[in-house]
Amino acid sequence: MSKRILGTAVMAAAALAVAPVQAKELGAVTALQQTNTLAKSFLENFLKPANKAGVKIKYIGGQEVVPPRKAAGALKRGTFDVLSAPTAYYIGTVPEGFAMLAANQGPSAMRKNGAWEIMEEVYMKKAGAVLLAWGENMTSYNTYLNMMPKMGADGVPDLTGVKMRATGTYRPLFRALGASTINIKSSEIFTAIQRGTVAGFGFPDVAVVAIGLHKAIKYRVTPNYYQTNQVVTVNPASWKALSSGDQKKLKDLAVKYETSSVIWMEKQRVKEEKQLKAAGVKDIALKGAAAAKYLDIAHQEIWKQLKAKSEYHDKLKPLMYVPGKPNRQADLGRALRD
């Protein structure tokens, strides 16, 4: 072999030795069904832009991959790399998810006032996960029923003796209204309503039609309450394996996603509202003092839960809940703002 050829070969080998190794493709799971509008938003507003930006993330699936209440544990073990899930599914592990649920401050405000850094600490300490984004953060909730509830003297629904499907999101409110609660997967609600196992449920205001639940209900109680604590978390080892450049891309995307997902979800909600009405679902619209009491019960019950279960309550509440400020969903005419 000539010296020139040998030299070329050596240089080529050296170039291969220092060339960056292509990062492995990350695997992502949604704790919600693939047909759920919140899951669709994650795919459209986070996964698609991430891949376009050069961070390869493959969608593995939803509840068929891992039961929703086991998804956070599977992420921690490294079964997959990225999880989009309501913290309600692992609220026993991360009770601070209640703070997001009953907050009247959004993620943009949290990133400015220090609340986000506290939540990052919480998720790493308790869930063993990197908190990346709070998506779909202005999606709120309603109570749905297939029967007309009794109304208390105060004008608030009395659910005494009524069986309601509930996750940790709704359980405090429903129990405060007198109901008994049952844990079942969202994919099983329709059948549970048909069989009379439950008479109603709480659900995001933009995900009912997507899984056919508008065909199982007759009434919706308004006003809407809370804001979804749907977050994107990453396995710490998977996060560390990313280059600093890819980490920055995902952090930047997370901030954009916290706005783009809200706008996308609002468009879906408007469409779903028409379908809900077309299906004959009627509103039980609470007004005045009754509406105020209903909302107060909903939010204060959640903060009570956090106070009892989290050492972070006293730090988080002043940053995430400003007394006297209207609920971001119920009283702002769906304004898309922080």
C-alpha atoms as a PDB file:
ATOM      1  CA  MET A   1       0.000   0.000   0.000  1.00  0.00           C
ATOM      2  CA  SER A   2       1.409   3.399  -0.967  1.00  0.00           C
ATOM      3  CA  LYS A   3       2.062   6.029   1.681  1.00  0.00           C
ATOM      4  CA  ARG A   4      -0.609   8.248   0.126  1.00  0.00           C
ATOM      5  CA  ILE A   5      -3.286   5.544   0.262  1.00  0.00           C
ATOM      6  CA  LEU A   6      -2.213   4.546   3.778  1.00  0.00           C
ATOM      7  CA  GLY A   7      -2.385   8.155   4.894  1.00  0.00           C
ATOM      8  CA  THR A   8      -5.869   8.552   3.419  1.00  0.00           C
ATOM      9  CA  ALA A   9      -7.050   5.410   5.198  1.00  0.00           C
ATOM     10  CA  VAL A  10      -5.679   6.599   8.529  1.00  0.00           C
ATOM     11  CA  MET A  11      -7.358   9.977   8.135  1.00  0.00           C
ATOM     12  CA  ALA A  12     -10.691   8.311   7.286  1.00  0.00           C
ATOM     13  CA  ALA A  13     -10.449   6.061  10.342  1.00  0.00           C
ATOM     14  CA  ALA A  14      -9.673   9.054  12.535  1.00  0.00           C
ATOM     15  CA  ALA A  15     -12.669  10.930  11.151  1.00  0.00           C
ATOM     16  CA  LEU A  16     -14.944   7.997  11.965  1.00  0.00           C
ATOM     17  CA  ALA A  17     -13.548   7.842  15.479  1.00  0.00           C
ATOM     18  CA  VAL A  18     -14.478  11.437  16.263  1.00  0.00           C
ATOM     19  CA  ALA A  19     -17.722  11.618  14.310  1.00  0.00           C
ATOM     20  CA  PRO A  20     -20.723  12.110  16.613  1.00  0.00           C
ATOM     21  CA  VAL A  21     -22.691   8.937  17.270  1.00  0.00           C
ATOM     22  CA  GLN A  22     -26.281   9.363  16.187  1.00  0.00           C
ATOM     23  CA  ALA A  23     -28.512   9.462  19.262  1.00  0.00           C
ATOM     24  CA  LYS A  24     -30.910   6.561  19.699  1.00  0.00           C
ATOM     25  CA  GLU A  25     -34.528   7.109  18.807  1.00  0.00           C
ATOM     26  CA  LEU A  26     -36.568   7.906  21.900  1.00  0.00           C
ATOM     27  CA  GLY A  27     -39.804   6.064  22.564  1.00  0.00           C
ATOM     28  CA  ALA A  28     -42.881   7.970  23.718  1.00  0.00           C
ATOM     29  CA  VAL A  29     -46.104   6.760  25.355  1.00  0.00           C
ATOM     30  CA  THR A  30     -49.378   8.499  26.166  1.00  0.00           C
ATOM     31  CA  ALA A  31     -51.247   7.403  29.291  1.00  0.00           C
ATOM     32  CA  LEU A  32     -54.457   8.317  27.489  1.00  0.00           C
ATOM     33  CA  GLN A  33     -55.970   6.459  24.563  1.00  0.00           C
ATOM     34  CA  GLN A  34     -54.580   7.333  21.163  1.00  0.00           C
ATOM     35  CA  THR A  35     -58.055   8.582  20.190  1.00  0.00           C
ATOM     36  CA  ASN A  36     -58.175  11.012  23.126  1.00  0.00           C
ATOM     37  CA  THR A  37     -57.902  14.626  21.973  1.00  0.00           C
ATOM     38  CA  LEU A  38     -55.241  15.370  24.602  1.00  0.00           C
ATOM     39  CA  ALA A  39     -53.112  12.524  23.266  1.00  0.00           C
ATOM     40  CA  LYS A  40     -53.631  13.752  19.716  1.00  0.00           C
ATOM     41  CA  SER A  41     -52.457  17.211  20.759  1.00  0.00           C
ATOM     42  CA  PHE A  42     -49.249  15.769  22.173  1.00  0.00           C
ATOM     43  CA  LEU A  43     -48.562  13.943  18.911  1.00  0.00           C
ATOM     44  CA  GLU A  44     -49.366  16.969  16.765  1.00  0.00           C
ATOM     45  CA  ASN A  45     -47.863  19.767  18.847  1.00  0.00           C
ATOM     46  CA  PHE A  46     -44.905  18.081  20.517  1.00  0.00           C
ATOM     47  CA  LEU A  47     -43.799  14.874  18.811  1.00  0.00           C
ATOM     48  CA  LYS A  48     -44.123  16.137  15.265  1.00  0.00           C
ATOM     49  CA  PRO A  49     -42.160  19.375  15.890  1.00  0.00           C
ATOM     50  CA  ALA A  50     -39.538  17.470  17.895  1.00  0.00           C
ATOM     51  CA  ASN A  51     -38.852  15.134  14.995  1.00  0.00           C
ATOM     52  CA  LYS A  52     -38.858  18.054  12.576  1.00  0.00           C
ATOM     53  CA  ALA A  53     -36.239  19.731  14.768  1.00  0.00           C
ATOM     54  CA  GLY A  54     -34.041  16.631  14.562  1.00  0.00           C
ATOM     55  CA  VAL A  55     -34.784  15.001  17.917  1.00  0.00           C
ATOM     56  CA  LYS A  56     -36.031  11.565  16.938  1.00  0.00           C
ATOM     57  CA  ILE A  57     -38.997  10.396  19.009  1.00  0.00           C
ATOM     58  CA  LYS A  58     -41.169   7.458  17.994  1.00  0.00           C
ATOM     59  CA  TYR A  59     -44.685   7.084  19.319  1.00  0.00           C
ATOM     60  CA  ILE A  60     -45.075   3.612  20.826  1.00  0.00           C
ATOM     61  CA  GLY A  61     -48.731   3.829  21.826  1.00  0.00           C
ATOM     62  CA  GLY A  62     -51.224   4.527  24.580  1.00  0.00           C
ATOM     63  CA  GLN A  63     -53.102   2.458  27.143  1.00  0.00           C
ATOM     64  CA  GLU A  64     -52.550  -0.710  25.122  1.00  0.00           C
ATOM     65  CA  VAL A  65     -48.819  -0.395  25.873  1.00  0.00           C
ATOM     66  CA  VAL A  66     -49.049   0.051  29.637  1.00  0.00           C
ATOM     67  CA  PRO A  67     -51.991   0.584  32.046  1.00  0.00           C
ATOM     68  CA  PRO A  68     -52.289   4.349  32.649  1.00  0.00           C
ATOM     69  CA  ARG A  69     -51.694   4.120  36.400  1.00  0.00           C
ATOM     70  CA  LYS A  70     -48.489   2.179  35.806  1.00  0.00           C
ATOM     71  CA  ALA A  71     -47.112   4.436  33.083  1.00  0.00           C
ATOM     72  CA  ALA A  72     -45.128   6.752  35.388  1.00  0.00           C
ATOM     73  CA  GLY A  73     -43.468   3.780  37.055  1.00  0.00           C
ATOM     74  CA  ALA A  74     -42.607   2.291  33.668  1.00  0.00           C
ATOM     75  CA  LEU A  75     -41.023   5.591  32.605  1.00  0.00           C
ATOM     76  CA  LYS A  76     -38.957   5.679  35.781  1.00  0.00           C
ATOM     77  CA  ARG A  77     -37.705   2.126  35.092  1.00  0.00           C
ATOM     78  CA  GLY A  78     -36.715   3.123  31.573  1.00  0.00           C
ATOM     79  CA  THR A  79     -39.289   0.959  29.771  1.00  0.00           C
ATOM     80  CA  PHE A  80     -39.677   3.939  27.444  1.00  0.00           C
ATOM     81  CA  ASP A  81     -38.221   7.441  27.348  1.00  0.00           C
ATOM     82  CA  VAL A  82     -40.994  10.041  27.170  1.00  0.00           C
ATOM     83  CA  LEU A  83     -44.437  10.094  28.780  1.00  0.00           C
ATOM     84  CA  SER A  84     -47.421  12.345  28.211  1.00  0.00           C
ATOM     85  CA  ALA A  85     -49.900  11.810  31.048  1.00  0.00           C
ATOM     86  CA  PRO A  86     -52.233  13.534  33.465  1.00  0.00           C
ATOM     87  CA  THR A  87     -50.549  13.558  36.870  1.00  0.00           C
ATOM     88  CA  ALA A  88     -53.928  12.338  38.156  1.00  0.00           C
ATOM     89  CA  TYR A  89     -52.873   8.824  37.161  1.00  0.00           C
ATOM     90  CA  TYR A  90     -50.005   8.918  39.654  1.00  0.00           C
ATOM     91  CA  ILE A  91     -51.263  11.525  42.100  1.00  0.00           C
ATOM     92  CA  GLY A  92     -50.385   9.242  45.014  1.00  0.00           C
ATOM     93  CA  THR A  93     -46.744   9.497  43.983  1.00  0.00           C
ATOM     94  CA  VAL A  94     -46.779  13.168  42.991  1.00  0.00           C
ATOM     95  CA  PRO A  95     -49.581  14.875  44.956  1.00  0.00           C
ATOM     96  CA  GLU A  96     -48.210  18.209  43.772  1.00  0.00           C
ATOM     97  CA  GLY A  97     -50.105  17.513  40.563  1.00  0.00           C
ATOM     98  CA  PHE A  98     -53.063  18.850  42.574  1.00  0.00           C
ATOM     99  CA  ALA A  99     -51.398  22.283  42.526  1.00  0.00           C
ATOM    100  CA  MET A 100     -51.499  22.393  38.721  1.00  0.00           C
ATOM    101  CA  LEU A 101     -55.086  21.205  38.760  1.00  0.00           C
ATOM    102  CA  ALA A 102     -56.400  23.951  41.075  1.00  0.00           C
ATOM    103  CA  ALA A 103     -54.049  26.748  40.011  1.00  0.00           C
ATOM    104  CA  ASN A 104     -55.182  29.974  38.421  1.00  0.00           C
ATOM    105  CA  GLN A 105     -51.671  30.677  37.144  1.00  0.00           C
ATOM    106  CA  GLY A 106     -50.312  29.118  33.951  1.00  0.00           C
ATOM    107  CA  PRO A 107     -46.904  27.657  33.084  1.00  0.00           C
ATOM    108  CA  SER A 108     -45.563  30.926  31.691  1.00  0.00           C
ATOM    109  CA  ALA A 109     -46.157  32.647  35.036  1.00  0.00           C
ATOM    110  CA  MET A 110     -44.694  29.656  36.863  1.00  0.00           C
ATOM    111  CA  ARG A 111     -41.502  29.775  34.831  1.00  0.00           C
ATOM    112  CA  LYS A 112     -41.115  33.438  35.843  1.00  0.00           C
ATOM    113  CA  ASN A 113     -41.999  33.249  39.547  1.00  0.00           C
ATOM    114  CA  GLY A 114     -39.999  30.151  40.495  1.00  0.00           C
ATOM    115  CA  ALA A 115     -42.874  27.685  40.795  1.00  0.00           C
ATOM    116  CA  TRP A 116     -41.622  25.716  37.786  1.00  0.00           C
ATOM    117  CA  GLU A 117     -38.240  25.081  39.411  1.00  0.00           C
ATOM    118  CA  ILE A 118     -40.012  23.751  42.495  1.00  0.00           C
ATOM    119  CA  MET A 119     -42.117  21.417  40.357  1.00  0.00           C
ATOM    120  CA  GLU A 120     -38.989  20.198  38.529  1.00  0.00           C
ATOM    121  CA  GLU A 121     -37.517  19.306  41.924  1.00  0.00           C
ATOM    122  CA  VAL A 122     -40.733  17.549  42.917  1.00  0.00           C
ATOM    123  CA  TYR A 123     -40.949  15.414  39.776  1.00  0.00           C
ATOM    124  CA  MET A 124     -37.316  14.355  39.989  1.00  0.00           C
ATOM    125  CA  LYS A 125     -37.560  13.539  43.689  1.00  0.00           C
ATOM    126  CA  LYS A 126     -40.928  11.775  43.684  1.00  0.00           C
ATOM    127  CA  ALA A 127     -41.497  10.463  40.155  1.00  0.00           C
ATOM    128  CA  GLY A 128     -37.867   9.979  39.200  1.00  0.00           C
ATOM    129  CA  ALA A 129     -38.521  11.965  36.044  1.00  0.00           C
ATOM    130  CA  VAL A 130     -37.500  15.166  34.292  1.00  0.00           C
ATOM    131  CA  LEU A 131     -40.469  17.546  34.068  1.00  0.00           C
ATOM    132  CA  LEU A 132     -40.333  19.036  30.579  1.00  0.00           C
ATOM    133  CA  ALA A 133     -43.674  20.651  29.730  1.00  0.00           C
ATOM    134  CA  TRP A 134     -47.200  21.328  30.932  1.00  0.00           C
ATOM    135  CA  GLY A 135     -49.212  20.883  27.776  1.00  0.00           C
ATOM    136  CA  GLU A 136     -52.880  21.576  27.030  1.00  0.00           C
ATOM    137  CA  ASN A 137     -52.817  23.644  30.214  1.00  0.00           C
ATOM    138  CA  MET A 138     -56.063  25.572  29.697  1.00  0.00           C
ATOM    139  CA  THR A 139     -58.169  22.524  28.985  1.00  0.00           C
ATOM    140  CA  SER A 140     -60.682  22.346  31.802  1.00  0.00           C
ATOM    141  CA  TYR A 141     -63.221  19.847  33.106  1.00  0.00           C
ATOM    142  CA  ASN A 142     -66.934  19.285  33.459  1.00  0.00           C
ATOM    143  CA  THR A 143     -69.166  16.862  35.296  1.00  0.00           C
ATOM    144  CA  TYR A 144     -71.193  14.623  32.973  1.00  0.00           C
ATOM    145  CA  LEU A 145     -74.255  12.560  33.964  1.00  0.00           C
ATOM    146  CA  ASN A 146     -76.788  10.239  32.371  1.00  0.00           C
ATOM    147  CA  MET A 147     -79.421  11.317  34.911  1.00  0.00           C
ATOM    148  CA  MET A 148     -80.723  14.564  36.372  1.00  0.00           C
ATOM    149  CA  PRO A 149     -79.150  14.966  39.821  1.00  0.00           C
ATOM    150  CA  LYS A 150     -80.929  16.171  42.922  1.00  0.00           C
ATOM    151  CA  MET A 151     -80.186  19.800  43.653  1.00  0.00           C
ATOM    152  CA  GLY A 152     -79.367  21.006  47.149  1.00  0.00           C
ATOM    153  CA  ALA A 153     -80.998  24.010  48.790  1.00  0.00           C
ATOM    154  CA  ASP A 154     -77.899  25.982  47.810  1.00  0.00           C
ATOM    155  CA  GLY A 155     -78.443  25.161  44.142  1.00  0.00           C
ATOM    156  CA  VAL A 156     -75.423  22.818  43.972  1.00  0.00           C
ATOM    157  CA  PRO A 157     -75.859  19.210  42.735  1.00  0.00           C
ATOM    158  CA  ASP A 158     -76.357  16.677  45.516  1.00  0.00           C
ATOM    159  CA  LEU A 159     -74.742  13.407  44.408  1.00  0.00           C
ATOM    160  CA  THR A 160     -75.494  11.460  47.578  1.00  0.00           C
ATOM    161  CA  GLY A 161     -75.864   7.798  46.651  1.00  0.00           C
ATOM    162  CA  VAL A 162     -74.669   8.357  43.076  1.00  0.00           C
ATOM    163  CA  LYS A 163     -71.767   6.283  41.780  1.00  0.00           C
ATOM    164  CA  MET A 164     -69.271   8.308  39.752  1.00  0.00           C
ATOM    165  CA  ARG A 165     -66.232   7.262  37.791  1.00  0.00           C
ATOM    166  CA  ALA A 166     -63.302   9.288  39.092  1.00  0.00           C
ATOM    167  CA  THR A 167     -59.550   9.603  39.008  1.00  0.00           C
ATOM    168  CA  GLY A 168     -57.643  11.609  41.594  1.00  0.00           C
ATOM    169  CA  THR A 169     -58.645  14.701  39.620  1.00  0.00           C
ATOM    170  CA  TYR A 170     -62.340  14.457  40.388  1.00  0.00           C
ATOM    171  CA  ARG A 171     -62.520  12.306  43.514  1.00  0.00           C
ATOM    172  CA  PRO A 172     -62.291  15.171  46.063  1.00  0.00           C
ATOM    173  CA  LEU A 173     -65.099  17.148  44.384  1.00  0.00           C
ATOM    174  CA  PHE A 174     -67.441  14.199  43.844  1.00  0.00           C
ATOM    175  CA  ARG A 175     -67.020  12.957  47.387  1.00  0.00           C
ATOM    176  CA  ALA A 176     -67.615  16.472  48.706  1.00  0.00           C
ATOM    177  CA  LEU A 177     -70.896  16.413  46.757  1.00  0.00           C
ATOM    178  CA  GLY A 178     -71.821  13.097  48.380  1.00  0.00           C
ATOM    179  CA  ALA A 179     -71.008  10.622  45.604  1.00  0.00           C
ATOM    180  CA  SER A 180     -69.192   7.324  45.885  1.00  0.00           C
ATOM    181  CA  THR A 181     -66.345   6.968  43.391  1.00  0.00           C
ATOM    182  CA  ILE A 182     -65.039   4.097  41.281  1.00  0.00           C
ATOM    183  CA  ASN A 183     -61.685   3.823  39.501  1.00  0.00           C
ATOM    184  CA  ILE A 184     -61.990   2.564  35.933  1.00  0.00           C
ATOM    185  CA  LYS A 185     -60.013   3.289  32.774  1.00  0.00           C
ATOM    186  CA  SER A 186     -61.321   5.982  30.475  1.00  0.00           C
ATOM    187  CA  SER A 187     -61.712   3.348  27.754  1.00  0.00           C
ATOM    188  CA  GLU A 188     -64.219   1.514  29.981  1.00  0.00           C
ATOM    189  CA  ILE A 189     -66.462   4.460  30.910  1.00  0.00           C
ATOM    190  CA  PHE A 190     -68.940   3.938  28.075  1.00  0.00           C
ATOM    191  CA  THR A 191     -69.598   0.338  29.066  1.00  0.00           C
ATOM    192  CA  ALA A 192     -69.788   1.274  32.746  1.00  0.00           C
ATOM    193  CA  ILE A 193     -72.482   3.864  31.973  1.00  0.00           C
ATOM    194  CA  GLN A 194     -74.441   1.377  29.859  1.00  0.00           C
ATOM    195  CA  ARG A 195     -74.341  -1.263  32.577  1.00  0.00           C
ATOM    196  CA  GLY A 196     -75.261   1.175  35.318  1.00  0.00           C
ATOM    197  CA  THR A 197     -71.963   0.678  37.122  1.00  0.00           C
ATOM    198  CA  VAL A 198     -71.633   4.457  37.250  1.00  0.00           C
ATOM    199  CA  ALA A 199     -74.087   7.275  36.562  1.00  0.00           C
ATOM    200  CA  GLY A 200     -71.529   9.823  35.506  1.00  0.00           C
ATOM    201  CA  PHE A 201     -67.962  11.005  35.408  1.00  0.00           C
ATOM    202  CA  GLY A 202     -65.698  14.018  35.240  1.00  0.00           C
ATOM    203  CA  PHE A 203     -63.784  14.566  32.023  1.00  0.00           C
ATOM    204  CA  PRO A 204     -61.856  17.192  30.059  1.00  0.00           C
ATOM    205  CA  ASP A 205     -64.160  19.478  28.116  1.00  0.00           C
ATOM    206  CA  VAL A 206     -62.590  18.563  24.803  1.00  0.00           C
ATOM    207  CA  ALA A 207     -62.247  14.780  24.915  1.00  0.00           C
ATOM    208  CA  VAL A 208     -65.753  13.413  25.331  1.00  0.00           C
ATOM    209  CA  VAL A 209     -66.747  13.125  21.674  1.00  0.00           C
ATOM    210  CA  ALA A 210     -63.416  11.632  20.599  1.00  0.00           C
ATOM    211  CA  ILE A 211     -64.119   8.419  22.521  1.00  0.00           C
ATOM    212  CA  GLY A 212     -67.874   8.371  21.982  1.00  0.00           C
ATOM    213  CA  LEU A 213     -68.969   9.353  25.484  1.00  0.00           C
ATOM    214  CA  HIS A 214     -71.414  11.963  24.172  1.00  0.00           C
ATOM    215  CA  LYS A 215     -73.624   9.007  23.236  1.00  0.00           C
ATOM    216  CA  ALA A 216     -73.715   7.778  26.825  1.00  0.00           C
ATOM    217  CA  ILE A 217     -74.632  10.977  28.654  1.00  0.00           C
ATOM    218  CA  LYS A 218     -77.641  13.261  28.916  1.00  0.00           C
ATOM    219  CA  TYR A 219     -76.423  16.154  31.044  1.00  0.00           C
ATOM    220  CA  ARG A 220     -73.377  18.354  31.594  1.00  0.00           C
ATOM    221  CA  VAL A 221     -73.000  20.421  34.734  1.00  0.00           C
ATOM    222  CA  THR A 222     -71.483  23.861  34.214  1.00  0.00           C
ATOM    223  CA  PRO A 223     -69.437  25.970  34.936  1.00  0.00           C
ATOM    224  CA  ASN A 224     -66.257  24.164  34.017  1.00  0.00           C
ATOM    225  CA  TYR A 225     -63.484  23.850  36.586  1.00  0.00           C
ATOM    226  CA  TYR A 226     -59.761  23.142  37.052  1.00  0.00           C
ATOM    227  CA  GLN A 227     -57.117  23.006  34.353  1.00  0.00           C
ATOM    228  CA  THR A 228     -55.600  19.774  33.145  1.00  0.00           C
ATOM    229  CA  ASN A 229     -52.355  18.674  34.794  1.00  0.00           C
ATOM    230  CA  GLN A 230     -51.233  16.941  31.615  1.00  0.00           C
ATOM    231  CA  VAL A 231     -47.432  16.946  31.632  1.00  0.00           C
ATOM    232  CA  VAL A 232     -44.576  15.643  29.512  1.00  0.00           C
ATOM    233  CA  THR A 233     -41.864  13.884  31.498  1.00  0.00           C
ATOM    234  CA  VAL A 234     -38.622  12.218  30.433  1.00  0.00           C
ATOM    235  CA  ASN A 235     -36.624   9.365  31.935  1.00  0.00           C
ATOM    236  CA  PRO A 236     -33.512  10.954  33.562  1.00  0.00           C
ATOM    237  CA  ALA A 237     -31.054   8.536  31.958  1.00  0.00           C
ATOM    238  CA  SER A 238     -32.613   9.148  28.553  1.00  0.00           C
ATOM    239  CA  TRP A 239     -32.397  12.885  29.141  1.00  0.00           C
ATOM    240  CA  LYS A 240     -28.725  12.727  30.111  1.00  0.00           C
ATOM    241  CA  ALA A 241     -27.969  10.673  27.000  1.00  0.00           C
ATOM    242  CA  LEU A 242     -29.177  13.511  24.788  1.00  0.00           C
ATOM    243  CA  SER A 243     -26.684  16.041  23.543  1.00  0.00           C
ATOM    244  CA  SER A 244     -26.843  19.506  25.065  1.00  0.00           C
ATOM    245  CA  GLY A 245     -28.102  20.717  21.706  1.00  0.00           C
ATOM    246  CA  ASP A 246     -30.998  18.260  21.670  1.00  0.00           C
ATOM    247  CA  GLN A 247     -31.841  19.081  25.279  1.00  0.00           C
ATOM    248  CA  LYS A 248     -32.044  22.767  24.355  1.00  0.00           C
ATOM    249  CA  LYS A 249     -34.251  21.968  21.368  1.00  0.00           C
ATOM    250  CA  LEU A 250     -36.679  20.086  23.588  1.00  0.00           C
ATOM    251  CA  LYS A 251     -36.701  22.799  26.263  1.00  0.00           C
ATOM    252  CA  ASP A 252     -37.412  25.454  23.655  1.00  0.00           C
ATOM    253  CA  LEU A 253     -40.108  23.272  22.109  1.00  0.00           C
ATOM    254  CA  ALA A 254     -41.661  22.697  25.547  1.00  0.00           C
ATOM    255  CA  VAL A 255     -42.279  26.432  25.994  1.00  0.00           C
ATOM    256  CA  LYS A 256     -43.802  26.730  22.512  1.00  0.00           C
ATOM    257  CA  TYR A 257     -45.904  23.619  23.104  1.00  0.00           C
ATOM    258  CA  GLU A 258     -47.403  25.147  26.234  1.00  0.00           C
ATOM    259  CA  THR A 259     -49.011  27.764  23.982  1.00  0.00           C
ATOM    260  CA  SER A 260     -49.496  25.925  20.688  1.00  0.00           C
ATOM    261  CA  SER A 261     -51.291  23.035  22.404  1.00  0.00           C
ATOM    262  CA  VAL A 262     -53.699  25.452  24.130  1.00  0.00           C
ATOM    263  CA  ILE A 263     -54.634  27.106  20.831  1.00  0.00           C
ATOM    264  CA  TRP A 264     -54.980  23.723  19.102  1.00  0.00           C
ATOM    265  CA  MET A 265     -57.147  22.329  21.908  1.00  0.00           C
ATOM    266  CA  GLU A 266     -59.422  25.378  21.883  1.00  0.00           C
ATOM    267  CA  LYS A 267     -60.162  24.822  18.197  1.00  0.00           C
ATOM    268  CA  GLN A 268     -61.039  21.204  18.964  1.00  0.00           C
ATOM    269  CA  ARG A 269     -63.249  22.250  21.884  1.00  0.00           C
ATOM    270  CA  VAL A 270     -65.303  24.553  19.676  1.00  0.00           C
ATOM    271  CA  LYS A 271     -65.888  21.697  17.212  1.00  0.00           C
ATOM    272  CA  GLU A 272     -66.761  19.271  20.002  1.00  0.00           C
ATOM    273  CA  GLU A 273     -69.192  21.719  21.601  1.00  0.00           C
ATOM    274  CA  LYS A 274     -71.315  21.617  18.459  1.00  0.00           C
ATOM    275  CA  GLN A 275     -71.237  17.814  18.364  1.00  0.00           C
ATOM    276  CA  LEU A 276     -72.170  17.587  22.031  1.00  0.00           C
ATOM    277  CA  LYS A 277     -75.220  19.788  21.483  1.00  0.00           C
ATOM    278  CA  ALA A 278     -76.182  17.874  18.348  1.00  0.00           C
ATOM    279  CA  ALA A 279     -76.158  14.668  20.418  1.00  0.00           C
ATOM    280  CA  GLY A 280     -78.792  16.189  22.702  1.00  0.00           C
ATOM    281  CA  VAL A 281     -76.629  16.721  25.782  1.00  0.00           C
ATOM    282  CA  LYS A 282     -78.264  19.388  27.950  1.00  0.00           C
ATOM    283  CA  ASP A 283     -76.530  21.785  30.326  1.00  0.00           C
ATOM    284  CA  ILE A 284     -77.367  22.044  33.986  1.00  0.00           C
ATOM    285  CA  ALA A 285     -76.044  25.587  34.177  1.00  0.00           C
ATOM    286  CA  LEU A 286     -75.352  26.773  37.712  1.00  0.00           C
ATOM    287  CA  LYS A 287     -75.556  30.530  38.114  1.00  0.00           C
ATOM    288  CA  GLY A 288     -74.622  33.186  40.640  1.00  0.00           C
ATOM    289  CA  ALA A 289     -74.042  32.011  44.193  1.00  0.00           C
ATOM    290  CA  ALA A 290     -74.599  28.361  43.247  1.00  0.00           C
ATOM    291  CA  ALA A 291     -71.913  28.500  40.545  1.00  0.00           C
ATOM    292  CA  ALA A 292     -69.521  30.298  42.892  1.00  0.00           C
ATOM    293  CA  LYS A 293     -70.048  27.700  45.614  1.00  0.00           C
ATOM    294  CA  TYR A 294     -69.634  24.814  43.168  1.00  0.00           C
ATOM    295  CA  LEU A 295     -66.305  26.221  41.968  1.00  0.00           C
ATOM    296  CA  ASP A 296     -65.197  26.993  45.514  1.00  0.00           C
ATOM    297  CA  ILE A 297     -65.907  23.421  46.603  1.00  0.00           C
ATOM    298  CA  ALA A 298     -64.013  22.076  43.586  1.00  0.00           C
ATOM    299  CA  HIS A 299     -60.881  24.163  44.074  1.00  0.00           C
ATOM    300  CA  GLN A 300     -60.672  24.252  47.848  1.00  0.00           C
ATOM    301  CA  GLU A 301     -61.097  20.485  48.096  1.00  0.00           C
ATOM    302  CA  ILE A 302     -58.064  20.102  45.850  1.00  0.00           C
ATOM    303  CA  TRP A 303     -55.937  22.503  47.898  1.00  0.00           C
ATOM    304  CA  LYS A 304     -57.001  20.632  51.053  1.00  0.00           C
ATOM    305  CA  GLN A 305     -55.710  17.433  49.482  1.00  0.00           C
ATOM    306  CA  LEU A 306     -52.384  19.055  48.690  1.00  0.00           C
ATOM    307  CA  LYS A 307     -52.083  20.545  52.172  1.00  0.00           C
ATOM    308  CA  ALA A 308     -52.576  17.111  53.699  1.00  0.00           C
ATOM    309  CA  LYS A 309     -50.242  15.265  51.367  1.00  0.00           C
ATOM    310  CA  SER A 310     -47.413  17.597  50.352  1.00  0.00           C
ATOM    311  CA  GLU A 311     -44.632  19.369  52.159  1.00  0.00           C
ATOM    312  CA  TYR A 312     -44.511  21.724  49.164  1.00  0.00           C
ATOM    313  CA  HIS A 313     -48.041  23.104  49.648  1.00  0.00           C
ATOM    314  CA  ASP A 314     -47.007  26.283  51.436  1.00  0.00           C
ATOM    315  CA  LYS A 315     -44.416  27.094  48.759  1.00  0.00           C
ATOM    316  CA  LEU A 316     -46.587  26.321  45.763  1.00  0.00           C
ATOM    317  CA  LYS A 317     -49.988  27.765  46.614  1.00  0.00           C
ATOM    318  CA  PRO A 318     -48.906  31.456  46.850  1.00  0.00           C
ATOM    319  CA  LEU A 319     -47.154  31.131  43.486  1.00  0.00           C
ATOM    320  CA  MET A 320     -49.864  29.170  41.680  1.00  0.00           C
ATOM    321  CA  TYR A 321     -53.110  30.447  43.176  1.00  0.00           C
ATOM    322  CA  VAL A 322     -53.767  34.172  43.497  1.00  0.00           C
ATOM    323  CA  PRO A 323     -56.828  34.861  45.707  1.00  0.00           C
ATOM    324  CA  GLY A 324     -59.483  36.866  43.927  1.00  0.00           C
ATOM    325  CA  LYS A 325     -58.174  36.130  40.448  1.00  0.00           C
ATOM    326  CA  PRO A 326     -60.820  34.460  38.257  1.00  0.00           C
ATOM    327  CA  ASN A 327     -60.373  30.861  37.267  1.00  0.00           C
ATOM    328  CA  ARG A 328     -58.575  30.870  33.916  1.00  0.00           C
ATOM    329  CA  GLN A 329     -61.343  28.829  32.267  1.00  0.00           C
ATOM    330  CA  ALA A 330     -64.573  29.560  34.087  1.00  0.00           C
ATOM    331  CA  ASP A 331     -64.609  33.346  34.085  1.00  0.00           C
ATOM    332  CA  LEU A 332     -62.330  34.598  31.336  1.00  0.00           C
ATOM    333  CA  GLY A 333     -64.473  33.739  28.344  1.00  0.00           C
ATOM    334  CA  ARG A 334     -61.898  31.130  27.253  1.00  0.00           C
ATOM    335  CA  ALA A 335     -59.273  33.863  26.780  1.00  0.00           C
ATOM    336  CA  LEU A 336     -56.021  32.259  25.670  1.00  0.00           C
ATOM    337  CA  ARG A 337     -53.607  33.949  28.015  1.00  0.00           C
ATOM    338  CA  ASP A 338     -51.333  33.148  30.970  1.00  0.00           C
END
